[in-house]
Amino acid sequence: MLTDSILGGRGESQPSSSSVEVDVTSLLEEEAQLYADEARLYAERATADEAESSFDIEKEVQEEMRDFQTQLRRLNEEGTERESRS
């Protein structure tokens, strides 16, 4: 019989459809878990990148504030010198 030769001979039985469904279900669940893990890792990386970017922006703002304070101090000193000369 043709189906016997495809299944490997007369003495072997074909797995029941319910056991195949359980295996497929398990595989689908495992695949879903892999995608969930990958999404979580991607989100963690994105959060880390955002934090690093935020830190860089904060660092730049602090540098600009220091420069601004230095300029204000110089202007204040110049103003004080001009007043003392007058």
Protein backbone atom coordinates (compact mmCIF):
# COMPACT_ATOMS: atom_id res chain seq x y z
CA MET A 1 0.00 0.00 0.00
CA LEU A 2 1.29 3.47 -0.91
CA THR A 3 0.49 5.09 2.46
CA ASP A 4 2.36 2.31 4.26
CA SER A 5 5.51 3.00 2.25
CA ILE A 6 5.23 6.73 2.95
CA LEU A 7 4.79 6.12 6.68
CA GLY A 8 7.71 3.76 6.78
CA GLY A 9 6.12 0.36 6.53
CA ARG A 10 3.18 -1.61 7.85
CA GLY A 11 4.30 -1.98 11.45
CA GLU A 12 4.66 1.73 12.26
CA SER A 13 1.74 3.84 13.34
CA GLN A 14 1.05 7.39 12.39
CA PRO A 15 1.01 9.85 15.32
CA SER A 16 -2.45 10.91 16.34
CA SER A 17 -3.56 14.34 15.24
CA SER A 18 -3.98 15.45 18.88
CA SER A 19 -0.31 14.79 19.71
CA VAL A 20 0.74 16.72 16.62
CA GLU A 21 -1.44 19.63 17.70
CA VAL A 22 0.17 19.65 21.14
CA ASP A 23 3.61 19.69 19.56
CA VAL A 24 2.63 22.50 17.20
CA THR A 25 1.05 24.38 20.06
CA SER A 26 4.22 23.99 22.13
CA LEU A 27 6.34 25.18 19.25
CA LEU A 28 4.08 28.18 18.70
CA GLU A 29 4.21 29.03 22.41
CA GLU A 30 8.00 28.79 22.41
CA GLU A 31 8.20 30.98 19.33
CA ALA A 32 5.90 33.53 20.93
CA GLN A 33 8.11 33.54 24.03
CA LEU A 34 11.19 34.13 21.87
CA TYR A 35 9.50 37.10 20.19
CA ALA A 36 8.42 38.46 23.59
CA ASP A 37 11.98 38.14 24.92
CA GLU A 38 13.37 39.83 21.82
CA ALA A 39 10.86 42.68 22.17
CA ARG A 40 11.76 43.11 25.84
CA LEU A 41 15.48 43.24 25.02
CA TYR A 42 14.82 45.74 22.25
CA ALA A 43 12.84 47.92 24.66
CA GLU A 44 15.63 47.73 27.24
CA ARG A 45 18.21 48.75 24.64
CA ALA A 46 16.00 51.61 23.47
CA THR A 47 15.58 52.79 27.06
CA ALA A 48 19.35 52.61 27.60
CA ASP A 49 19.94 54.57 24.39
CA GLU A 50 17.40 57.19 25.47
CA ALA A 51 19.02 57.46 28.88
CA GLU A 52 22.45 57.88 27.28
CA SER A 53 21.07 60.46 24.87
CA SER A 54 19.37 62.30 27.74
CA PHE A 55 22.63 62.25 29.70
CA ASP A 56 24.49 63.69 26.69
CA ILE A 57 21.92 66.47 26.31
CA GLU A 58 22.10 67.28 30.02
CA LYS A 59 25.90 67.38 29.82
CA GLU A 60 25.75 69.81 26.88
CA VAL A 61 23.26 72.04 28.70
CA GLN A 62 25.52 72.12 31.76
CA GLU A 63 28.52 73.10 29.61
CA GLU A 64 26.51 75.87 27.97
CA MET A 65 25.36 77.11 31.39
CA ARG A 66 28.98 77.25 32.59
CA ASP A 67 29.95 79.21 29.49
CA PHE A 68 27.03 81.57 30.04
CA GLN A 69 27.99 82.06 33.70
CA THR A 70 31.57 82.80 32.67
CA GLN A 71 30.37 85.42 30.19
CA LEU A 72 28.12 87.00 32.83
CA ARG A 73 30.98 87.11 35.31
CA ARG A 74 33.24 88.84 32.76
CA LEU A 75 30.55 91.36 31.88
CA ASN A 76 29.98 92.03 35.58
CA GLU A 77 33.72 92.55 36.11
CA GLU A 78 33.91 94.90 33.11
CA GLY A 79 30.92 96.85 34.40
CA THR A 80 32.49 97.10 37.86
CA GLU A 81 35.79 98.35 36.38
CA ARG A 82 33.99 100.99 34.31
CA GLU A 83 32.07 102.22 37.34
CA SER A 84 35.22 102.44 39.42
CA ARG A 85 36.94 104.53 36.70
CA SER A 86 34.09 106.99 36.53
